[in-house]
């Protein structure tokens, strides 16, 4: 694929995805505000945070496609697989904690103790997630997923 084609492809998807993301966040925040779950301060703060996230992701994509060499992109993809896996590891830990709470069991800190829970959350789950992210990336040649 020619570099110009790749650049125009991600830009067209970028506009659609960022618009959908901001629309969804706006609707969710407005519903939460109308139900008096969050205050006006939270509404404004979270909307600004969503705009900042969209800007940050745009800058990352711009630097990746416009400024980096092929070796720099490969290194960035390796980092993305590890960081993504670590994030999924942490989210999985919170998911397990939520499932325990939903089915009526006591929180994980009551079952195994506070310090083991903290170690699982801050050390074990990100390390395992990062390892699995790197493993999946290595199997794929550290290529980013293809957008349909």
Protein backbone atom coordinates (compact mmCIF):
# COMPACT_ATOMS: atom_id res chain seq x y z
CA UNK A 1 0.00 0.00 0.00
CA UNK A 2 1.30 3.45 -0.87
CA UNK A 3 1.88 5.82 2.02
CA UNK A 4 -0.59 8.36 0.66
CA UNK A 5 -3.35 5.75 0.40
CA UNK A 6 -2.77 4.61 3.96
CA UNK A 7 -2.86 8.21 5.17
CA UNK A 8 -6.11 9.07 3.43
CA UNK A 9 -7.69 5.80 4.60
CA UNK A 10 -7.10 6.46 8.28
CA UNK A 11 -8.22 10.07 7.94
CA UNK A 12 -11.59 9.05 6.54
CA UNK A 13 -12.12 6.53 9.35
CA UNK A 14 -10.78 8.95 11.92
CA UNK A 15 -13.49 11.51 11.21
CA UNK A 16 -16.27 8.93 11.50
CA UNK A 17 -14.96 7.28 14.65
CA UNK A 18 -14.22 10.53 16.48
CA UNK A 19 -17.64 11.95 15.59
CA UNK A 20 -19.40 8.82 16.86
CA UNK A 21 -17.29 8.78 20.02
CA UNK A 22 -18.01 12.43 20.86
CA UNK A 23 -21.71 12.01 20.09
CA UNK A 24 -21.97 8.93 22.32
CA UNK A 25 -20.08 10.59 25.18
CA UNK A 26 -22.21 13.73 24.87
CA UNK A 27 -25.46 11.76 24.98
CA UNK A 28 -24.33 9.67 27.94
CA UNK A 29 -23.18 12.76 29.85
CA UNK A 30 -26.40 14.66 29.13
CA UNK A 31 -28.51 11.71 30.27
CA UNK A 32 -26.49 11.39 33.47
CA UNK A 33 -26.83 15.13 34.08
CA UNK A 34 -30.57 15.09 33.46
CA UNK A 35 -30.95 12.19 35.91
CA UNK A 36 -28.98 14.20 38.51
CA UNK A 37 -26.27 11.55 38.66
CA UNK A 38 -23.53 14.08 37.85
CA UNK A 39 -23.28 17.82 38.41
CA UNK A 40 -22.77 20.51 35.78
CA UNK A 41 -19.10 20.67 36.78
CA UNK A 42 -18.68 16.94 36.02
CA UNK A 43 -20.56 17.31 32.74
CA UNK A 44 -18.24 20.05 31.51
CA UNK A 45 -15.11 18.38 32.87
CA UNK A 46 -15.83 15.01 31.27
CA UNK A 47 -16.77 16.56 27.93
CA UNK A 48 -13.49 18.50 27.89
CA UNK A 49 -11.65 15.27 28.79
CA UNK A 50 -13.34 13.51 25.83
CA UNK A 51 -12.28 16.33 23.50
CA UNK A 52 -8.75 16.06 24.87
CA UNK A 53 -8.72 12.31 24.28
CA UNK A 54 -9.83 12.78 20.66
CA UNK A 55 -7.14 15.43 20.13
CA UNK A 56 -4.47 13.22 21.74
CA UNK A 57 -5.39 10.25 19.56
CA UNK A 58 -5.37 12.44 16.45
CA UNK A 59 -1.87 13.68 17.30
CA UNK A 60 -0.68 10.09 17.75
CA UNK A 61 -2.08 9.07 14.36
CA UNK A 62 -0.64 12.16 12.68
CA UNK A 63 2.84 11.53 14.06
CA UNK A 64 2.61 7.83 13.19
CA UNK A 65 1.66 8.33 9.55
CA UNK A 66 3.36 11.61 8.72
CA UNK A 67 6.55 11.80 10.76
CA UNK A 68 7.83 8.33 11.71
CA UNK A 69 9.99 6.02 9.66
CA UNK A 70 9.06 2.35 9.18
CA UNK A 71 11.30 1.32 12.09
CA UNK A 72 9.72 3.95 14.34
CA UNK A 73 6.23 2.70 13.41
CA UNK A 74 7.22 -0.86 14.26
CA UNK A 75 8.52 0.25 17.66
CA UNK A 76 5.33 2.26 18.25
CA UNK A 77 3.24 -0.79 17.35
CA UNK A 78 5.20 -2.93 19.82
CA UNK A 79 4.58 -0.39 22.57
CA UNK A 80 0.90 -0.17 21.63
CA UNK A 81 0.45 -3.95 21.88
CA UNK A 82 2.08 -4.07 25.32
CA UNK A 83 0.22 -1.03 26.68
CA UNK A 84 -3.07 -2.26 25.23
CA UNK A 85 -2.56 -5.68 26.78
CA UNK A 86 -1.70 -4.13 30.14
CA UNK A 87 -4.83 -1.99 30.03
CA UNK A 88 -6.95 -5.01 29.19
CA UNK A 89 -5.34 -6.87 32.09
CA UNK A 90 -6.38 -4.13 34.50
CA UNK A 91 -9.90 -3.95 33.01
CA UNK A 92 -10.17 -7.74 33.35
CA UNK A 93 -9.27 -7.47 37.04
CA UNK A 94 -12.00 -4.87 37.55
CA UNK A 95 -14.39 -7.06 35.55
CA UNK A 96 -13.73 -10.00 37.85
CA UNK A 97 -14.31 -7.76 40.87
CA UNK A 98 -17.60 -6.53 39.38
CA UNK A 99 -18.74 -10.09 38.60
CA UNK A 100 -18.01 -11.13 42.20
CA UNK A 101 -20.09 -8.21 43.42
CA UNK A 102 -22.97 -8.96 41.01
CA UNK A 103 -23.25 -12.61 42.04
CA UNK A 104 -23.30 -11.62 45.70
CA UNK A 105 -19.84 -12.66 46.88
CA UNK A 106 -17.80 -10.34 49.10
CA UNK A 107 -15.22 -8.05 47.47
CA UNK A 108 -11.90 -9.53 46.47
CA UNK A 109 -10.09 -7.63 49.22
CA UNK A 110 -12.17 -9.51 51.82
CA UNK A 111 -11.47 -12.86 50.18
CA UNK A 112 -7.69 -12.62 49.75
CA UNK A 113 -6.78 -9.50 51.74
CA UNK A 114 -5.92 -5.90 50.91
CA UNK A 115 -2.24 -6.21 49.99
CA UNK A 116 -2.63 -9.24 47.74
CA UNK A 117 -5.48 -7.42 45.97
CA UNK A 118 -3.31 -4.33 45.47
CA UNK A 119 -0.44 -6.46 44.15
CA UNK A 120 -2.80 -8.29 41.79
CA UNK A 121 -4.23 -4.99 40.53
CA UNK A 122 -1.01 -3.00 40.15
CA UNK A 123 1.57 -5.67 39.31
CA UNK A 124 0.26 -9.05 38.22
CA UNK A 125 -2.66 -8.08 35.97
CA UNK A 126 -0.74 -5.42 33.94
CA UNK A 127 2.27 -7.75 33.58
CA UNK A 128 0.17 -10.67 32.39
CA UNK A 129 -1.85 -8.41 30.09
CA UNK A 130 1.32 -6.87 28.66
CA UNK A 131 2.82 -10.32 28.10
CA UNK A 132 -0.28 -11.55 26.26
CA UNK A 133 -0.44 -8.30 24.27
CA UNK A 134 3.19 -8.74 23.20
CA UNK A 135 2.54 -12.41 22.35
CA UNK A 136 -0.46 -11.53 20.17
CA UNK A 137 1.51 -8.72 18.52
CA UNK A 138 4.42 -11.04 17.80
CA UNK A 139 2.08 -13.55 16.14
CA UNK A 140 0.69 -10.74 13.95
CA UNK A 141 4.11 -9.27 13.12
CA UNK A 142 3.26 -6.17 15.19
CA UNK A 143 1.03 -4.90 12.40
CA UNK A 144 -1.92 -2.76 13.45
CA UNK A 145 -5.37 -4.26 12.99
CA UNK A 146 -6.90 -3.61 9.59
CA UNK A 147 -9.97 -1.39 9.58
CA UNK A 148 -12.66 -2.90 7.37
